Amino acid sequence: MDTLTQLDKSMEIIATIADRLEQQAGPCPVERLRLVTWVTNQFVDVLALEKAGRDLPRLPSELLMDYMAWIHSVGKQAHLD
């Protein structure tokens, strides 16, 4: 698989995970780009991301908990700005 195809596939998985997080744990209080960046940073490599993509629609419980903590902290910060 070429690099561009791999990147497209990875971005599709990231977007789907972001959508699932918002559906299952609540909307993100910041712009979509920050959410996508946060999701991207939760995976150590492409293989871990691909595994999460294969497991969809189920999300790892640790990812859900981390997301809820993150949106709580960024939500507080957004209200202070």
PDB file of N, CA and C in Angstrom:
ATOM      1  N   MET A   1       0.854  -1.179   0.000  1.00  0.00           N
ATOM      2  CA  MET A   1       0.000   0.000   0.000  1.00  0.00           C
ATOM      3  C   MET A   1       0.894   1.235   0.000  1.00  0.00           C
ATOM      4  N   ASP A   2       0.592   2.191  -0.873  1.00  0.00           N
ATOM      5  CA  ASP A   2       1.424   3.382  -0.928  1.00  0.00           C
ATOM      6  C   ASP A   2       1.128   4.313   0.249  1.00  0.00           C
ATOM      7  N   THR A   3       2.020   5.259   0.451  1.00  0.00           N
ATOM      8  CA  THR A   3       1.941   6.152   1.604  1.00  0.00           C
ATOM      9  C   THR A   3       0.662   6.976   1.624  1.00  0.00           C
ATOM     10  N   LEU A   4       0.259   7.487   0.471  1.00  0.00           N
ATOM     11  CA  LEU A   4      -0.945   8.315   0.408  1.00  0.00           C
ATOM     12  C   LEU A   4      -2.192   7.501   0.748  1.00  0.00           C
ATOM     13  N   THR A   5      -2.262   6.287   0.246  1.00  0.00           N
ATOM     14  CA  THR A   5      -3.389   5.413   0.558  1.00  0.00           C
ATOM     15  C   THR A   5      -3.410   5.088   2.044  1.00  0.00           C
ATOM     16  N   GLN A   6      -2.241   4.825   2.616  1.00  0.00           N
ATOM     17  CA  GLN A   6      -2.140   4.536   4.043  1.00  0.00           C
ATOM     18  C   GLN A   6      -2.588   5.740   4.870  1.00  0.00           C
ATOM     19  N   LEU A   7      -2.177   6.927   4.466  1.00  0.00           N
ATOM     20  CA  LEU A   7      -2.567   8.147   5.167  1.00  0.00           C
ATOM     21  C   LEU A   7      -4.081   8.350   5.100  1.00  0.00           C
ATOM     22  N   ASP A   8      -4.661   8.151   3.922  1.00  0.00           N
ATOM     23  CA  ASP A   8      -6.116   8.279   3.765  1.00  0.00           C
ATOM     24  C   ASP A   8      -6.844   7.295   4.677  1.00  0.00           C
ATOM     25  N   LYS A   9      -6.363   6.063   4.717  1.00  0.00           N
ATOM     26  CA  LYS A   9      -6.977   5.037   5.557  1.00  0.00           C
ATOM     27  C   LYS A   9      -6.862   5.415   7.038  1.00  0.00           C
ATOM     28  N   SER A  10      -5.704   5.886   7.439  1.00  0.00           N
ATOM     29  CA  SER A  10      -5.497   6.289   8.831  1.00  0.00           C
ATOM     30  C   SER A  10      -6.413   7.449   9.210  1.00  0.00           C
ATOM     31  N   MET A  11      -6.526   8.436   8.331  1.00  0.00           N
ATOM     32  CA  MET A  11      -7.385   9.587   8.612  1.00  0.00           C
ATOM     33  C   MET A  11      -8.851   9.170   8.700  1.00  0.00           C
ATOM     34  N   GLU A  12      -9.247   8.220   7.895  1.00  0.00           N
ATOM     35  CA  GLU A  12     -10.617   7.724   7.950  1.00  0.00           C
ATOM     36  C   GLU A  12     -10.887   7.036   9.297  1.00  0.00           C
ATOM     37  N   ILE A  13      -9.933   6.241   9.753  1.00  0.00           N
ATOM     38  CA  ILE A  13     -10.082   5.570  11.049  1.00  0.00           C
ATOM     39  C   ILE A  13     -10.136   6.604  12.168  1.00  0.00           C
ATOM     40  N   ILE A  14      -9.255   7.588  12.123  1.00  0.00           N
ATOM     41  CA  ILE A  14      -9.220   8.637  13.150  1.00  0.00           C
ATOM     42  C   ILE A  14     -10.543   9.388  13.196  1.00  0.00           C
ATOM     43  N   ALA A  15     -11.073   9.741  12.038  1.00  0.00           N
ATOM     44  CA  ALA A  15     -12.352  10.463  11.980  1.00  0.00           C
ATOM     45  C   ALA A  15     -13.485   9.613  12.545  1.00  0.00           C
ATOM     46  N   THR A  16     -13.477   8.332  12.222  1.00  0.00           N
ATOM     47  CA  THR A  16     -14.520   7.435  12.735  1.00  0.00           C
ATOM     48  C   THR A  16     -14.410   7.280  14.245  1.00  0.00           C
ATOM     49  N   ILE A  17     -13.198   7.155  14.760  1.00  0.00           N
ATOM     50  CA  ILE A  17     -13.008   7.060  16.210  1.00  0.00           C
ATOM     51  C   ILE A  17     -13.484   8.347  16.877  1.00  0.00           C
ATOM     52  N   ALA A  18     -13.149   9.494  16.313  1.00  0.00           N
ATOM     53  CA  ALA A  18     -13.599  10.779  16.870  1.00  0.00           C
ATOM     54  C   ALA A  18     -15.125  10.838  16.911  1.00  0.00           C
ATOM     55  N   ASP A  19     -15.759  10.403  15.834  1.00  0.00           N
ATOM     56  CA  ASP A  19     -17.232  10.385  15.790  1.00  0.00           C
ATOM     57  C   ASP A  19     -17.791   9.474  16.872  1.00  0.00           C
ATOM     58  N   ARG A  20     -17.231   8.299  17.015  1.00  0.00           N
ATOM     59  CA  ARG A  20     -17.708   7.333  18.019  1.00  0.00           C
ATOM     60  C   ARG A  20     -17.517   7.864  19.444  1.00  0.00           C
ATOM     61  N   LEU A  21     -16.398   8.517  19.679  1.00  0.00           N
ATOM     62  CA  LEU A  21     -16.170   9.090  21.009  1.00  0.00           C
ATOM     63  C   LEU A  21     -17.246  10.114  21.344  1.00  0.00           C
ATOM     64  N   GLU A  22     -17.552  10.975  20.385  1.00  0.00           N
ATOM     65  CA  GLU A  22     -18.581  11.984  20.635  1.00  0.00           C
ATOM     66  C   GLU A  22     -19.949  11.339  20.811  1.00  0.00           C
ATOM     67  N   GLN A  23     -20.238  10.302  20.074  1.00  0.00           N
ATOM     68  CA  GLN A  23     -21.524   9.613  20.198  1.00  0.00           C
ATOM     69  C   GLN A  23     -21.652   8.904  21.545  1.00  0.00           C
ATOM     70  N   GLN A  24     -20.570   8.282  21.993  1.00  0.00           N
ATOM     71  CA  GLN A  24     -20.634   7.448  23.186  1.00  0.00           C
ATOM     72  C   GLN A  24     -20.352   8.196  24.488  1.00  0.00           C
ATOM     73  N   ALA A  25     -19.574   9.282  24.411  1.00  0.00           N
ATOM     74  CA  ALA A  25     -19.160   9.941  25.647  1.00  0.00           C
ATOM     75  C   ALA A  25     -19.495  11.424  25.707  1.00  0.00           C
ATOM     76  N   GLY A  26     -20.017  11.979  24.640  1.00  0.00           N
ATOM     77  CA  GLY A  26     -20.393  13.385  24.653  1.00  0.00           C
ATOM     78  C   GLY A  26     -19.613  14.203  23.659  1.00  0.00           C
ATOM     79  N   PRO A  27     -20.202  15.332  23.264  1.00  0.00           N
ATOM     80  CA  PRO A  27     -19.567  16.178  22.260  1.00  0.00           C
ATOM     81  C   PRO A  27     -18.280  16.822  22.770  1.00  0.00           C
ATOM     82  N   CYS A  28     -17.385  17.032  21.862  1.00  0.00           N
ATOM     83  CA  CYS A  28     -16.122  17.685  22.183  1.00  0.00           C
ATOM     84  C   CYS A  28     -16.356  19.194  22.236  1.00  0.00           C
ATOM     85  N   PRO A  29     -15.884  19.874  23.288  1.00  0.00           N
ATOM     86  CA  PRO A  29     -16.147  21.309  23.426  1.00  0.00           C
ATOM     87  C   PRO A  29     -15.200  22.207  22.629  1.00  0.00           C
ATOM     88  N   VAL A  30     -14.310  21.611  21.860  1.00  0.00           N
ATOM     89  CA  VAL A  30     -13.373  22.403  21.055  1.00  0.00           C
ATOM     90  C   VAL A  30     -13.512  22.010  19.591  1.00  0.00           C
ATOM     91  N   GLU A  31     -12.811  22.727  18.728  1.00  0.00           N
ATOM     92  CA  GLU A  31     -12.931  22.498  17.290  1.00  0.00           C
ATOM     93  C   GLU A  31     -12.485  21.086  16.892  1.00  0.00           C
ATOM     94  N   ARG A  32     -13.014  20.650  15.776  1.00  0.00           N
ATOM     95  CA  ARG A  32     -12.786  19.288  15.267  1.00  0.00           C
ATOM     96  C   ARG A  32     -11.294  18.984  15.095  1.00  0.00           C
ATOM     97  N   LEU A  33     -10.518  19.945  14.630  1.00  0.00           N
ATOM     98  CA  LEU A  33      -9.094  19.720  14.413  1.00  0.00           C
ATOM     99  C   LEU A  33      -8.393  19.319  15.712  1.00  0.00           C
ATOM    100  N   ARG A  34      -8.743  19.967  16.813  1.00  0.00           N
ATOM    101  CA  ARG A  34      -8.128  19.600  18.096  1.00  0.00           C
ATOM    102  C   ARG A  34      -8.541  18.195  18.518  1.00  0.00           C
ATOM    103  N   LEU A  35      -9.795  17.821  18.259  1.00  0.00           N
ATOM    104  CA  LEU A  35     -10.246  16.469  18.575  1.00  0.00           C
ATOM    105  C   LEU A  35      -9.489  15.444  17.739  1.00  0.00           C
ATOM    106  N   VAL A  36      -9.370  15.688  16.452  1.00  0.00           N
ATOM    107  CA  VAL A  36      -8.653  14.764  15.570  1.00  0.00           C
ATOM    108  C   VAL A  36      -7.186  14.651  15.994  1.00  0.00           C
ATOM    109  N   THR A  37      -6.587  15.769  16.357  1.00  0.00           N
ATOM    110  CA  THR A  37      -5.201  15.747  16.833  1.00  0.00           C
ATOM    111  C   THR A  37      -5.085  14.932  18.106  1.00  0.00           C
ATOM    112  N   TRP A  38      -6.029  15.120  19.026  1.00  0.00           N
ATOM    113  CA  TRP A  38      -6.009  14.360  20.275  1.00  0.00           C
ATOM    114  C   TRP A  38      -6.131  12.867  19.988  1.00  0.00           C
ATOM    115  N   VAL A  39      -7.078  12.485  19.145  1.00  0.00           N
ATOM    116  CA  VAL A  39      -7.242  11.066  18.807  1.00  0.00           C
ATOM    117  C   VAL A  39      -5.953  10.519  18.205  1.00  0.00           C
ATOM    118  N   THR A  40      -5.370  11.247  17.276  1.00  0.00           N
ATOM    119  CA  THR A  40      -4.124  10.810  16.632  1.00  0.00           C
ATOM    120  C   THR A  40      -3.036  10.534  17.662  1.00  0.00           C
ATOM    121  N   ASN A  41      -2.935  11.401  18.649  1.00  0.00           N
ATOM    122  CA  ASN A  41      -1.884  11.270  19.660  1.00  0.00           C
ATOM    123  C   ASN A  41      -2.115  10.128  20.650  1.00  0.00           C
ATOM    124  N   GLN A  42      -3.277   9.506  20.609  1.00  0.00           N
ATOM    125  CA  GLN A  42      -3.567   8.405  21.537  1.00  0.00           C
ATOM    126  C   GLN A  42      -2.995   7.074  21.065  1.00  0.00           C
ATOM    127  N   PHE A  43      -2.489   7.031  19.861  1.00  0.00           N
ATOM    128  CA  PHE A  43      -1.984   5.783  19.299  1.00  0.00           C
ATOM    129  C   PHE A  43      -0.482   5.882  19.063  1.00  0.00           C
ATOM    130  N   VAL A  44       0.231   4.854  19.518  1.00  0.00           N
ATOM    131  CA  VAL A  44       1.687   4.877  19.442  1.00  0.00           C
ATOM    132  C   VAL A  44       2.208   4.663  18.029  1.00  0.00           C
ATOM    133  N   ASP A  45       1.416   3.983  17.193  1.00  0.00           N
ATOM    134  CA  ASP A  45       1.843   3.752  15.814  1.00  0.00           C
ATOM    135  C   ASP A  45       0.640   3.385  14.951  1.00  0.00           C
ATOM    136  N   VAL A  46       0.891   3.225  13.671  1.00  0.00           N
ATOM    137  CA  VAL A  46      -0.174   2.924  12.720  1.00  0.00           C
ATOM    138  C   VAL A  46      -0.816   1.571  13.022  1.00  0.00           C
ATOM    139  N   LEU A  47      -0.030   0.609  13.464  1.00  0.00           N
ATOM    140  CA  LEU A  47      -0.584  -0.717  13.766  1.00  0.00           C
ATOM    141  C   LEU A  47      -1.611  -0.650  14.893  1.00  0.00           C
ATOM    142  N   ALA A  48      -1.335   0.129  15.927  1.00  0.00           N
ATOM    143  CA  ALA A  48      -2.286   0.290  17.028  1.00  0.00           C
ATOM    144  C   ALA A  48      -3.556   0.981  16.543  1.00  0.00           C
ATOM    145  N   LEU A  49      -3.394   1.969  15.684  1.00  0.00           N
ATOM    146  CA  LEU A  49      -4.547   2.665  15.115  1.00  0.00           C
ATOM    147  C   LEU A  49      -5.377   1.716  14.260  1.00  0.00           C
ATOM    148  N   GLU A  50      -4.730   0.917  13.423  1.00  0.00           N
ATOM    149  CA  GLU A  50      -5.448  -0.034  12.575  1.00  0.00           C
ATOM    150  C   GLU A  50      -6.196  -1.068  13.410  1.00  0.00           C
ATOM    151  N   LYS A  51      -5.592  -1.507  14.527  1.00  0.00           N
ATOM    152  CA  LYS A  51      -6.271  -2.458  15.401  1.00  0.00           C
ATOM    153  C   LYS A  51      -7.541  -1.825  15.970  1.00  0.00           C
ATOM    154  N   ALA A  52      -7.442  -0.588  16.408  1.00  0.00           N
ATOM    155  CA  ALA A  52      -8.622   0.109  16.929  1.00  0.00           C
ATOM    156  C   ALA A  52      -9.686   0.231  15.842  1.00  0.00           C
ATOM    157  N   GLY A  53      -9.264   0.461  14.615  1.00  0.00           N
ATOM    158  CA  GLY A  53     -10.201   0.551  13.503  1.00  0.00           C
ATOM    159  C   GLY A  53     -10.909  -0.771  13.244  1.00  0.00           C
ATOM    160  N   ARG A  54     -10.198  -1.869  13.377  1.00  0.00           N
ATOM    161  CA  ARG A  54     -10.810  -3.190  13.184  1.00  0.00           C
ATOM    162  C   ARG A  54     -11.804  -3.518  14.292  1.00  0.00           C
ATOM    163  N   ASP A  55     -11.575  -2.977  15.476  1.00  0.00           N
ATOM    164  CA  ASP A  55     -12.440  -3.257  16.631  1.00  0.00           C
ATOM    165  C   ASP A  55     -13.708  -2.404  16.658  1.00  0.00           C
ATOM    166  N   LEU A  56     -13.789  -1.414  15.776  1.00  0.00           N
ATOM    167  CA  LEU A  56     -14.978  -0.547  15.755  1.00  0.00           C
ATOM    168  C   LEU A  56     -16.215  -1.358  15.442  1.00  0.00           C
ATOM    169  N   PRO A  57     -17.347  -1.041  16.020  1.00  0.00           N
ATOM    170  CA  PRO A  57     -17.658   0.201  16.721  1.00  0.00           C
ATOM    171  C   PRO A  57     -17.248   0.204  18.197  1.00  0.00           C
ATOM    172  N   ARG A  58     -16.713  -0.891  18.693  1.00  0.00           N
ATOM    173  CA  ARG A  58     -16.276  -0.941  20.093  1.00  0.00           C
ATOM    174  C   ARG A  58     -15.007  -0.111  20.253  1.00  0.00           C
ATOM    175  N   LEU A  59     -15.004   0.739  21.257  1.00  0.00           N
ATOM    176  CA  LEU A  59     -13.831   1.542  21.580  1.00  0.00           C
ATOM    177  C   LEU A  59     -13.192   1.012  22.848  1.00  0.00           C
ATOM    178  N   PRO A  60     -11.874   1.073  22.943  1.00  0.00           N
ATOM    179  CA  PRO A  60     -11.222   0.653  24.183  1.00  0.00           C
ATOM    180  C   PRO A  60     -11.706   1.508  25.364  1.00  0.00           C
ATOM    181  N   SER A  61     -11.991   0.864  26.488  1.00  0.00           N
ATOM    182  CA  SER A  61     -12.511   1.608  27.645  1.00  0.00           C
ATOM    183  C   SER A  61     -11.517   2.665  28.118  1.00  0.00           C
ATOM    184  N   GLU A  62     -10.230   2.383  28.018  1.00  0.00           N
ATOM    185  CA  GLU A  62      -9.229   3.366  28.431  1.00  0.00           C
ATOM    186  C   GLU A  62      -9.301   4.621  27.551  1.00  0.00           C
ATOM    187  N   LEU A  63      -9.527   4.427  26.261  1.00  0.00           N
ATOM    188  CA  LEU A  63      -9.660   5.560  25.350  1.00  0.00           C
ATOM    189  C   LEU A  63     -10.888   6.389  25.708  1.00  0.00           C
ATOM    190  N   LEU A  64     -11.993   5.724  26.002  1.00  0.00           N
ATOM    191  CA  LEU A  64     -13.215   6.437  26.412  1.00  0.00           C
ATOM    192  C   LEU A  64     -12.988   7.237  27.690  1.00  0.00           C
ATOM    193  N   MET A  65     -12.349   6.626  28.673  1.00  0.00           N
ATOM    194  CA  MET A  65     -12.085   7.327  29.942  1.00  0.00           C
ATOM    195  C   MET A  65     -11.154   8.512  29.721  1.00  0.00           C
ATOM    196  N   ASP A  66     -10.112   8.306  28.924  1.00  0.00           N
ATOM    197  CA  ASP A  66      -9.176   9.404  28.642  1.00  0.00           C
ATOM    198  C   ASP A  66      -9.881  10.542  27.913  1.00  0.00           C
ATOM    199  N   TYR A  67     -10.762  10.190  26.978  1.00  0.00           N
ATOM    200  CA  TYR A  67     -11.513  11.208  26.246  1.00  0.00           C
ATOM    201  C   TYR A  67     -12.404  12.005  27.193  1.00  0.00           C
ATOM    202  N   MET A  68     -13.121  11.315  28.070  1.00  0.00           N
ATOM    203  CA  MET A  68     -14.003  12.020  29.006  1.00  0.00           C
ATOM    204  C   MET A  68     -13.212  12.959  29.911  1.00  0.00           C
ATOM    205  N   ALA A  69     -12.046  12.516  30.367  1.00  0.00           N
ATOM    206  CA  ALA A  69     -11.206  13.388  31.193  1.00  0.00           C
ATOM    207  C   ALA A  69     -10.705  14.578  30.380  1.00  0.00           C
ATOM    208  N   TRP A  70     -10.321  14.321  29.147  1.00  0.00           N
ATOM    209  CA  TRP A  70      -9.814  15.393  28.293  1.00  0.00           C
ATOM    210  C   TRP A  70     -10.893  16.425  27.979  1.00  0.00           C
ATOM    211  N   ILE A  71     -12.090  15.980  27.591  1.00  0.00           N
ATOM    212  CA  ILE A  71     -13.130  16.973  27.259  1.00  0.00           C
ATOM    213  C   ILE A  71     -13.557  17.744  28.498  1.00  0.00           C
ATOM    214  N   HIS A  72     -13.488  17.108  29.656  1.00  0.00           N
ATOM    215  CA  HIS A  72     -13.803  17.826  30.892  1.00  0.00           C
ATOM    216  C   HIS A  72     -12.773  18.933  31.135  1.00  0.00           C
ATOM    217  N   SER A  73     -11.492  18.597  30.944  1.00  0.00           N
ATOM    218  CA  SER A  73     -10.439  19.595  31.202  1.00  0.00           C
ATOM    219  C   SER A  73     -10.442  20.697  30.151  1.00  0.00           C
ATOM    220  N   VAL A  74     -10.628  20.362  28.873  1.00  0.00           N
ATOM    221  CA  VAL A  74     -10.651  21.415  27.849  1.00  0.00           C
ATOM    222  C   VAL A  74     -11.938  22.217  27.913  1.00  0.00           C
ATOM    223  N   GLY A  75     -13.012  21.590  28.363  1.00  0.00           N
ATOM    224  CA  GLY A  75     -14.268  22.309  28.537  1.00  0.00           C
ATOM    225  C   GLY A  75     -14.155  23.361  29.613  1.00  0.00           C
ATOM    226  N   LYS A  76     -13.503  23.006  30.728  1.00  0.00           N
ATOM    227  CA  LYS A  76     -13.248  23.986  31.788  1.00  0.00           C
ATOM    228  C   LYS A  76     -12.410  25.138  31.274  1.00  0.00           C
ATOM    229  N   GLN A  77     -11.355  24.805  30.520  1.00  0.00           N
ATOM    230  CA  GLN A  77     -10.461  25.826  29.986  1.00  0.00           C
ATOM    231  C   GLN A  77     -11.203  26.737  29.013  1.00  0.00           C
ATOM    232  N   ALA A  78     -12.066  26.167  28.190  1.00  0.00           N
ATOM    233  CA  ALA A  78     -12.819  26.952  27.212  1.00  0.00           C
ATOM    234  C   ALA A  78     -13.734  27.970  27.899  1.00  0.00           C
ATOM    235  N   HIS A  79     -14.273  27.588  29.055  1.00  0.00           N
ATOM    236  CA  HIS A  79     -15.150  28.513  29.790  1.00  0.00           C
ATOM    237  C   HIS A  79     -14.358  29.634  30.443  1.00  0.00           C
ATOM    238  N   LEU A  80     -13.070  29.388  30.718  1.00  0.00           N
ATOM    239  CA  LEU A  80     -12.235  30.418  31.336  1.00  0.00           C
ATOM    240  C   LEU A  80     -11.726  31.428  30.317  1.00  0.00           C
ATOM    241  N   ASP A  81     -11.630  31.020  29.060  1.00  0.00           N
ATOM    242  CA  ASP A  81     -11.103  31.909  28.004  1.00  0.00           C
ATOM    243  C   ASP A  81     -12.069  33.005  27.639  1.00  0.00           C
TER     244      ASP A  81
END
